[in-house]
Amino acid sequence: MPNINLNLPEEQLVKATKMATMLSLNRSAYLREAIDYYIRKTEREILANKFKEASTKCRDESLRMCKEFDGIDHIPE
């Protein structure tokens, strides 16, 4: 597993160490889990935004089509 150097503020390091201890994890395992959680959260937010953008485009196109059909008085058989 590759290593990285990470500089944290003292308070953040103390809190991470305490939380790791409370969860019976070593600090590295706790930080890996925290990073993994944040990655998954960010991926979900990005996906949700993409769905929202697609939904908005679809809605706008549907409204445009409705306005076009609104002007039709007679539908041919």
PDB file of N, CA and C in Angstrom:
ATOM      1  N   MET A   1       0.858  -1.166   0.000  1.00  0.00           N
ATOM      2  CA  MET A   1       0.000   0.000   0.000  1.00  0.00           C
ATOM      3  C   MET A   1       0.910   1.237   0.000  1.00  0.00           C
ATOM      4  N   PRO A   2       0.666   2.167  -0.938  1.00  0.00           N
ATOM      5  CA  PRO A   2       1.485   3.381  -0.972  1.00  0.00           C
ATOM      6  C   PRO A   2       1.292   4.215   0.296  1.00  0.00           C
ATOM      7  N   ASN A   3       2.311   4.961   0.628  1.00  0.00           N
ATOM      8  CA  ASN A   3       2.258   5.855   1.787  1.00  0.00           C
ATOM      9  C   ASN A   3       2.118   7.292   1.327  1.00  0.00           C
ATOM     10  N   ILE A   4       1.496   8.109   2.178  1.00  0.00           N
ATOM     11  CA  ILE A   4       1.438   9.548   1.947  1.00  0.00           C
ATOM     12  C   ILE A   4       1.824  10.246   3.250  1.00  0.00           C
ATOM     13  N   ASN A   5       2.293  11.461   3.120  1.00  0.00           N
ATOM     14  CA  ASN A   5       2.524  12.293   4.297  1.00  0.00           C
ATOM     15  C   ASN A   5       1.365  13.264   4.370  1.00  0.00           C
ATOM     16  N   LEU A   6       0.807  13.391   5.545  1.00  0.00           N
ATOM     17  CA  LEU A   6      -0.353  14.240   5.731  1.00  0.00           C
ATOM     18  C   LEU A   6      -0.139  15.118   6.954  1.00  0.00           C
ATOM     19  N   ASN A   7      -0.204  16.406   6.741  1.00  0.00           N
ATOM     20  CA  ASN A   7      -0.086  17.347   7.852  1.00  0.00           C
ATOM     21  C   ASN A   7      -1.478  17.736   8.301  1.00  0.00           C
ATOM     22  N   LEU A   8      -1.733  17.541   9.597  1.00  0.00           N
ATOM     23  CA  LEU A   8      -3.033  17.885  10.177  1.00  0.00           C
ATOM     24  C   LEU A   8      -2.826  18.877  11.314  1.00  0.00           C
ATOM     25  N   PRO A   9      -3.812  19.739  11.525  1.00  0.00           N
ATOM     26  CA  PRO A   9      -3.753  20.568  12.728  1.00  0.00           C
ATOM     27  C   PRO A   9      -3.769  19.663  13.970  1.00  0.00           C
ATOM     28  N   GLU A  10      -3.099  20.081  15.009  1.00  0.00           N
ATOM     29  CA  GLU A  10      -2.976  19.280  16.234  1.00  0.00           C
ATOM     30  C   GLU A  10      -4.342  18.824  16.752  1.00  0.00           C
ATOM     31  N   GLU A  11      -5.299  19.729  16.779  1.00  0.00           N
ATOM     32  CA  GLU A  11      -6.632  19.400  17.306  1.00  0.00           C
ATOM     33  C   GLU A  11      -7.292  18.290  16.485  1.00  0.00           C
ATOM     34  N   GLN A  12      -7.141  18.353  15.178  1.00  0.00           N
ATOM     35  CA  GLN A  12      -7.732  17.332  14.304  1.00  0.00           C
ATOM     36  C   GLN A  12      -7.052  15.981  14.530  1.00  0.00           C
ATOM     37  N   LEU A  13      -5.757  15.989  14.703  1.00  0.00           N
ATOM     38  CA  LEU A  13      -5.022  14.757  14.946  1.00  0.00           C
ATOM     39  C   LEU A  13      -5.429  14.133  16.276  1.00  0.00           C
ATOM     40  N   VAL A  14      -5.586  14.949  17.300  1.00  0.00           N
ATOM     41  CA  VAL A  14      -6.006  14.454  18.615  1.00  0.00           C
ATOM     42  C   VAL A  14      -7.401  13.840  18.525  1.00  0.00           C
ATOM     43  N   LYS A  15      -8.317  14.527  17.855  1.00  0.00           N
ATOM     44  CA  LYS A  15      -9.684  13.997  17.717  1.00  0.00           C
ATOM     45  C   LYS A  15      -9.694  12.693  16.932  1.00  0.00           C
ATOM     46  N   ALA A  16      -8.932  12.636  15.840  1.00  0.00           N
ATOM     47  CA  ALA A  16      -8.879  11.413  15.030  1.00  0.00           C
ATOM     48  C   ALA A  16      -8.311  10.259  15.851  1.00  0.00           C
ATOM     49  N   THR A  17      -7.291  10.530  16.644  1.00  0.00           N
ATOM     50  CA  THR A  17      -6.695   9.491  17.476  1.00  0.00           C
ATOM     51  C   THR A  17      -7.702   8.998  18.517  1.00  0.00           C
ATOM     52  N   LYS A  18      -8.421   9.923  19.145  1.00  0.00           N
ATOM     53  CA  LYS A  18      -9.429   9.530  20.140  1.00  0.00           C
ATOM     54  C   LYS A  18     -10.540   8.701  19.498  1.00  0.00           C
ATOM     55  N   MET A  19     -11.015   9.123  18.339  1.00  0.00           N
ATOM     56  CA  MET A  19     -12.085   8.381  17.668  1.00  0.00           C
ATOM     57  C   MET A  19     -11.603   6.988  17.257  1.00  0.00           C
ATOM     58  N   ALA A  20     -10.395   6.894  16.745  1.00  0.00           N
ATOM     59  CA  ALA A  20      -9.840   5.594  16.363  1.00  0.00           C
ATOM     60  C   ALA A  20      -9.786   4.668  17.574  1.00  0.00           C
ATOM     61  N   THR A  21      -9.337   5.195  18.687  1.00  0.00           N
ATOM     62  CA  THR A  21      -9.258   4.400  19.912  1.00  0.00           C
ATOM     63  C   THR A  21     -10.639   3.936  20.346  1.00  0.00           C
ATOM     64  N   MET A  22     -11.615   4.838  20.296  1.00  0.00           N
ATOM     65  CA  MET A  22     -12.982   4.481  20.683  1.00  0.00           C
ATOM     66  C   MET A  22     -13.558   3.380  19.796  1.00  0.00           C
ATOM     67  N   LEU A  23     -13.130   3.344  18.531  1.00  0.00           N
ATOM     68  CA  LEU A  23     -13.633   2.343  17.585  1.00  0.00           C
ATOM     69  C   LEU A  23     -12.723   1.116  17.495  1.00  0.00           C
ATOM     70  N   SER A  24     -11.725   1.068  18.348  1.00  0.00           N
ATOM     71  CA  SER A  24     -10.751  -0.044  18.376  1.00  0.00           C
ATOM     72  C   SER A  24     -10.036  -0.191  17.034  1.00  0.00           C
ATOM     73  N   LEU A  25      -9.683   0.934  16.447  1.00  0.00           N
ATOM     74  CA  LEU A  25      -8.924   0.952  15.195  1.00  0.00           C
ATOM     75  C   LEU A  25      -7.606   1.671  15.444  1.00  0.00           C
ATOM     76  N   ASN A  26      -6.620   1.354  14.604  1.00  0.00           N
ATOM     77  CA  ASN A  26      -5.445   2.213  14.682  1.00  0.00           C
ATOM     78  C   ASN A  26      -5.750   3.483  13.895  1.00  0.00           C
ATOM     79  N   ARG A  27      -4.979   4.507  14.132  1.00  0.00           N
ATOM     80  CA  ARG A  27      -5.271   5.816  13.533  1.00  0.00           C
ATOM     81  C   ARG A  27      -5.260   5.750  12.005  1.00  0.00           C
ATOM     82  N   SER A  28      -4.337   5.024  11.416  1.00  0.00           N
ATOM     83  CA  SER A  28      -4.275   4.920   9.951  1.00  0.00           C
ATOM     84  C   SER A  28      -5.544   4.281   9.389  1.00  0.00           C
ATOM     85  N   ALA A  29      -6.019   3.223  10.037  1.00  0.00           N
ATOM     86  CA  ALA A  29      -7.246   2.557   9.577  1.00  0.00           C
ATOM     87  C   ALA A  29      -8.431   3.504   9.697  1.00  0.00           C
ATOM     88  N   TYR A  30      -8.486   4.250  10.798  1.00  0.00           N
ATOM     89  CA  TYR A  30      -9.574   5.212  10.980  1.00  0.00           C
ATOM     90  C   TYR A  30      -9.547   6.278   9.883  1.00  0.00           C
ATOM     91  N   LEU A  31      -8.373   6.816   9.596  1.00  0.00           N
ATOM     92  CA  LEU A  31      -8.258   7.851   8.561  1.00  0.00           C
ATOM     93  C   LEU A  31      -8.580   7.292   7.176  1.00  0.00           C
ATOM     94  N   ARG A  32      -8.179   6.036   6.899  1.00  0.00           N
ATOM     95  CA  ARG A  32      -8.551   5.419   5.616  1.00  0.00           C
ATOM     96  C   ARG A  32     -10.060   5.316   5.493  1.00  0.00           C
ATOM     97  N   GLU A  33     -10.728   4.890   6.569  1.00  0.00           N
ATOM     98  CA  GLU A  33     -12.190   4.793   6.544  1.00  0.00           C
ATOM     99  C   GLU A  33     -12.834   6.163   6.368  1.00  0.00           C
ATOM    100  N   ALA A  34     -12.284   7.172   7.016  1.00  0.00           N
ATOM    101  CA  ALA A  34     -12.824   8.533   6.890  1.00  0.00           C
ATOM    102  C   ALA A  34     -12.674   9.037   5.449  1.00  0.00           C
ATOM    103  N   ILE A  35     -11.534   8.783   4.851  1.00  0.00           N
ATOM    104  CA  ILE A  35     -11.314   9.208   3.468  1.00  0.00           C
ATOM    105  C   ILE A  35     -12.245   8.453   2.531  1.00  0.00           C
ATOM    106  N   ASP A  36     -12.396   7.140   2.747  1.00  0.00           N
ATOM    107  CA  ASP A  36     -13.291   6.339   1.917  1.00  0.00           C
ATOM    108  C   ASP A  36     -14.727   6.844   2.029  1.00  0.00           C
ATOM    109  N   TYR A  37     -15.157   7.149   3.253  1.00  0.00           N
ATOM    110  CA  TYR A  37     -16.505   7.682   3.469  1.00  0.00           C
ATOM    111  C   TYR A  37     -16.692   8.986   2.700  1.00  0.00           C
ATOM    112  N   TYR A  38     -15.728   9.881   2.774  1.00  0.00           N
ATOM    113  CA  TYR A  38     -15.841  11.174   2.109  1.00  0.00           C
ATOM    114  C   TYR A  38     -15.835  11.014   0.585  1.00  0.00           C
ATOM    115  N   ILE A  39     -15.053  10.091   0.079  1.00  0.00           N
ATOM    116  CA  ILE A  39     -15.042   9.817  -1.368  1.00  0.00           C
ATOM    117  C   ILE A  39     -16.415   9.344  -1.823  1.00  0.00           C
ATOM    118  N   ARG A  40     -16.996   8.366  -1.101  1.00  0.00           N
ATOM    119  CA  ARG A  40     -18.321   7.852  -1.465  1.00  0.00           C
ATOM    120  C   ARG A  40     -19.385   8.947  -1.383  1.00  0.00           C
ATOM    121  N   LYS A  41     -19.314   9.784  -0.356  1.00  0.00           N
ATOM    122  CA  LYS A  41     -20.257  10.889  -0.183  1.00  0.00           C
ATOM    123  C   LYS A  41     -20.142  11.874  -1.354  1.00  0.00           C
ATOM    124  N   THR A  42     -18.933  12.209  -1.722  1.00  0.00           N
ATOM    125  CA  THR A  42     -18.706  13.138  -2.829  1.00  0.00           C
ATOM    126  C   THR A  42     -19.188  12.540  -4.148  1.00  0.00           C
ATOM    127  N   GLU A  43     -18.930  11.262  -4.372  1.00  0.00           N
ATOM    128  CA  GLU A  43     -19.415  10.601  -5.594  1.00  0.00           C
ATOM    129  C   GLU A  43     -20.938  10.652  -5.677  1.00  0.00           C
ATOM    130  N   ARG A  44     -21.628  10.398  -4.543  1.00  0.00           N
ATOM    131  CA  ARG A  44     -23.096  10.453  -4.527  1.00  0.00           C
ATOM    132  C   ARG A  44     -23.591  11.865  -4.822  1.00  0.00           C
ATOM    133  N   GLU A  45     -22.933  12.871  -4.261  1.00  0.00           N
ATOM    134  CA  GLU A  45     -23.332  14.258  -4.510  1.00  0.00           C
ATOM    135  C   GLU A  45     -23.153  14.631  -5.978  1.00  0.00           C
ATOM    136  N   ILE A  46     -22.049  14.200  -6.571  1.00  0.00           N
ATOM    137  CA  ILE A  46     -21.799  14.475  -7.988  1.00  0.00           C
ATOM    138  C   ILE A  46     -22.856  13.796  -8.847  1.00  0.00           C
ATOM    139  N   LEU A  47     -23.173  12.537  -8.544  1.00  0.00           N
ATOM    140  CA  LEU A  47     -24.190  11.803  -9.301  1.00  0.00           C
ATOM    141  C   LEU A  47     -25.559  12.462  -9.145  1.00  0.00           C
ATOM    142  N   ALA A  48     -25.888  12.871  -7.925  1.00  0.00           N
ATOM    143  CA  ALA A  48     -27.172  13.540  -7.694  1.00  0.00           C
ATOM    144  C   ALA A  48     -27.257  14.832  -8.501  1.00  0.00           C
ATOM    145  N   ASN A  49     -26.167  15.573  -8.573  1.00  0.00           N
ATOM    146  CA  ASN A  49     -26.156  16.807  -9.371  1.00  0.00           C
ATOM    147  C   ASN A  49     -26.326  16.525 -10.856  1.00  0.00           C
ATOM    148  N   LYS A  50     -25.716  15.446 -11.335  1.00  0.00           N
ATOM    149  CA  LYS A  50     -25.872  15.069 -12.747  1.00  0.00           C
ATOM    150  C   LYS A  50     -27.327  14.704 -13.038  1.00  0.00           C
ATOM    151  N   PHE A  51     -27.954  13.950 -12.134  1.00  0.00           N
ATOM    152  CA  PHE A  51     -29.366  13.606 -12.304  1.00  0.00           C
ATOM    153  C   PHE A  51     -30.239  14.852 -12.286  1.00  0.00           C
ATOM    154  N   LYS A  52     -29.917  15.775 -11.401  1.00  0.00           N
ATOM    155  CA  LYS A  52     -30.687  17.015 -11.310  1.00  0.00           C
ATOM    156  C   LYS A  52     -30.560  17.819 -12.599  1.00  0.00           C
ATOM    157  N   GLU A  53     -29.344  17.920 -13.130  1.00  0.00           N
ATOM    158  CA  GLU A  53     -29.133  18.640 -14.395  1.00  0.00           C
ATOM    159  C   GLU A  53     -29.902  17.980 -15.532  1.00  0.00           C
ATOM    160  N   ALA A  54     -29.843  16.638 -15.606  1.00  0.00           N
ATOM    161  CA  ALA A  54     -30.559  15.919 -16.665  1.00  0.00           C
ATOM    162  C   ALA A  54     -32.059  16.097 -16.515  1.00  0.00           C
ATOM    163  N   SER A  55     -32.544  16.073 -15.292  1.00  0.00           N
ATOM    164  CA  SER A  55     -33.969  16.254 -15.044  1.00  0.00           C
ATOM    165  C   SER A  55     -34.424  17.651 -15.461  1.00  0.00           C
ATOM    166  N   THR A  56     -33.603  18.643 -15.165  1.00  0.00           N
ATOM    167  CA  THR A  56     -33.928  20.018 -15.544  1.00  0.00           C
ATOM    168  C   THR A  56     -33.980  20.156 -17.059  1.00  0.00           C
ATOM    169  N   LYS A  57     -33.018  19.561 -17.760  1.00  0.00           N
ATOM    170  CA  LYS A  57     -33.018  19.616 -19.228  1.00  0.00           C
ATOM    171  C   LYS A  57     -34.260  18.945 -19.789  1.00  0.00           C
ATOM    172  N   CYS A  58     -34.618  17.790 -19.228  1.00  0.00           N
ATOM    173  CA  CYS A  58     -35.798  17.054 -19.682  1.00  0.00           C
ATOM    174  C   CYS A  58     -37.057  17.866 -19.416  1.00  0.00           C
ATOM    175  N   ARG A  59     -37.133  18.481 -18.244  1.00  0.00           N
ATOM    176  CA  ARG A  59     -38.288  19.299 -17.893  1.00  0.00           C
ATOM    177  C   ARG A  59     -38.421  20.479 -18.855  1.00  0.00           C
ATOM    178  N   ASP A  60     -37.319  21.136 -19.129  1.00  0.00           N
ATOM    179  CA  ASP A  60     -37.343  22.290 -20.025  1.00  0.00           C
ATOM    180  C   ASP A  60     -37.797  21.886 -21.426  1.00  0.00           C
ATOM    181  N   GLU A  61     -37.315  20.735 -21.891  1.00  0.00           N
ATOM    182  CA  GLU A  61     -37.706  20.255 -23.221  1.00  0.00           C
ATOM    183  C   GLU A  61     -39.187  19.884 -23.227  1.00  0.00           C
ATOM    184  N   SER A  62     -39.666  19.259 -22.153  1.00  0.00           N
ATOM    185  CA  SER A  62     -41.085  18.899 -22.066  1.00  0.00           C
ATOM    186  C   SER A  62     -41.973  20.140 -22.078  1.00  0.00           C
ATOM    187  N   LEU A  63     -41.564  21.164 -21.356  1.00  0.00           N
ATOM    188  CA  LEU A  63     -42.332  22.413 -21.339  1.00  0.00           C
ATOM    189  C   LEU A  63     -42.360  23.061 -22.724  1.00  0.00           C
ATOM    190  N   ARG A  64     -41.225  23.019 -23.406  1.00  0.00           N
ATOM    191  CA  ARG A  64     -41.157  23.576 -24.761  1.00  0.00           C
ATOM    192  C   ARG A  64     -42.110  22.830 -25.687  1.00  0.00           C
ATOM    193  N   MET A  65     -42.141  21.501 -25.578  1.00  0.00           N
ATOM    194  CA  MET A  65     -43.032  20.702 -26.426  1.00  0.00           C
ATOM    195  C   MET A  65     -44.496  20.977 -26.095  1.00  0.00           C
ATOM    196  N   CYS A  66     -44.809  21.115 -24.829  1.00  0.00           N
ATOM    197  CA  CYS A  66     -46.191  21.416 -24.423  1.00  0.00           C
ATOM    198  C   CYS A  66     -46.653  22.745 -25.004  1.00  0.00           C
ATOM    199  N   LYS A  67     -45.772  23.724 -24.994  1.00  0.00           N
ATOM    200  CA  LYS A  67     -46.115  25.033 -25.550  1.00  0.00           C
ATOM    201  C   LYS A  67     -46.368  24.935 -27.050  1.00  0.00           C
ATOM    202  N   GLU A  68     -45.591  24.093 -27.738  1.00  0.00           N
ATOM    203  CA  GLU A  68     -45.805  23.897 -29.176  1.00  0.00           C
ATOM    204  C   GLU A  68     -47.179  23.277 -29.431  1.00  0.00           C
ATOM    205  N   PHE A  69     -47.533  22.272 -28.650  1.00  0.00           N
ATOM    206  CA  PHE A  69     -48.811  21.605 -28.835  1.00  0.00           C
ATOM    207  C   PHE A  69     -49.987  22.460 -28.369  1.00  0.00           C
ATOM    208  N   ASP A  70     -49.728  23.385 -27.490  1.00  0.00           N
ATOM    209  CA  ASP A  70     -50.766  24.267 -26.965  1.00  0.00           C
ATOM    210  C   ASP A  70     -51.428  25.070 -28.086  1.00  0.00           C
ATOM    211  N   GLY A  71     -50.667  25.392 -29.114  1.00  0.00           N
ATOM    212  CA  GLY A  71     -51.198  26.207 -30.201  1.00  0.00           C
ATOM    213  C   GLY A  71     -51.988  25.418 -31.230  1.00  0.00           C
ATOM    214  N   ILE A  72     -52.032  24.107 -31.116  1.00  0.00           N
ATOM    215  CA  ILE A  72     -52.767  23.288 -32.088  1.00  0.00           C
ATOM    216  C   ILE A  72     -54.238  23.229 -31.699  1.00  0.00           C
ATOM    217  N   ASP A  73     -55.108  23.658 -32.632  1.00  0.00           N
ATOM    218  CA  ASP A  73     -56.556  23.638 -32.360  1.00  0.00           C
ATOM    219  C   ASP A  73     -57.194  22.323 -32.809  1.00  0.00           C
ATOM    220  N   HIS A  74     -56.632  21.712 -33.813  1.00  0.00           N
ATOM    221  CA  HIS A  74     -57.239  20.507 -34.361  1.00  0.00           C
ATOM    222  C   HIS A  74     -56.149  19.465 -34.561  1.00  0.00           C
ATOM    223  N   ILE A  75     -56.432  18.251 -34.074  1.00  0.00           N
ATOM    224  CA  ILE A  75     -55.511  17.158 -34.255  1.00  0.00           C
ATOM    225  C   ILE A  75     -56.042  16.298 -35.396  1.00  0.00           C
ATOM    226  N   PRO A  76     -55.277  16.174 -36.472  1.00  0.00           N
ATOM    227  CA  PRO A  76     -55.741  15.365 -37.605  1.00  0.00           C
ATOM    228  C   PRO A  76     -55.868  13.894 -37.209  1.00  0.00           C
ATOM    229  N   GLU A  77     -56.872  13.256 -37.817  1.00  0.00           N
ATOM    230  CA  GLU A  77     -57.093  11.829 -37.512  1.00  0.00           C
ATOM    231  C   GLU A  77     -56.340  10.949 -38.441  1.00  0.00           C
TER     232      GLU A  77
END
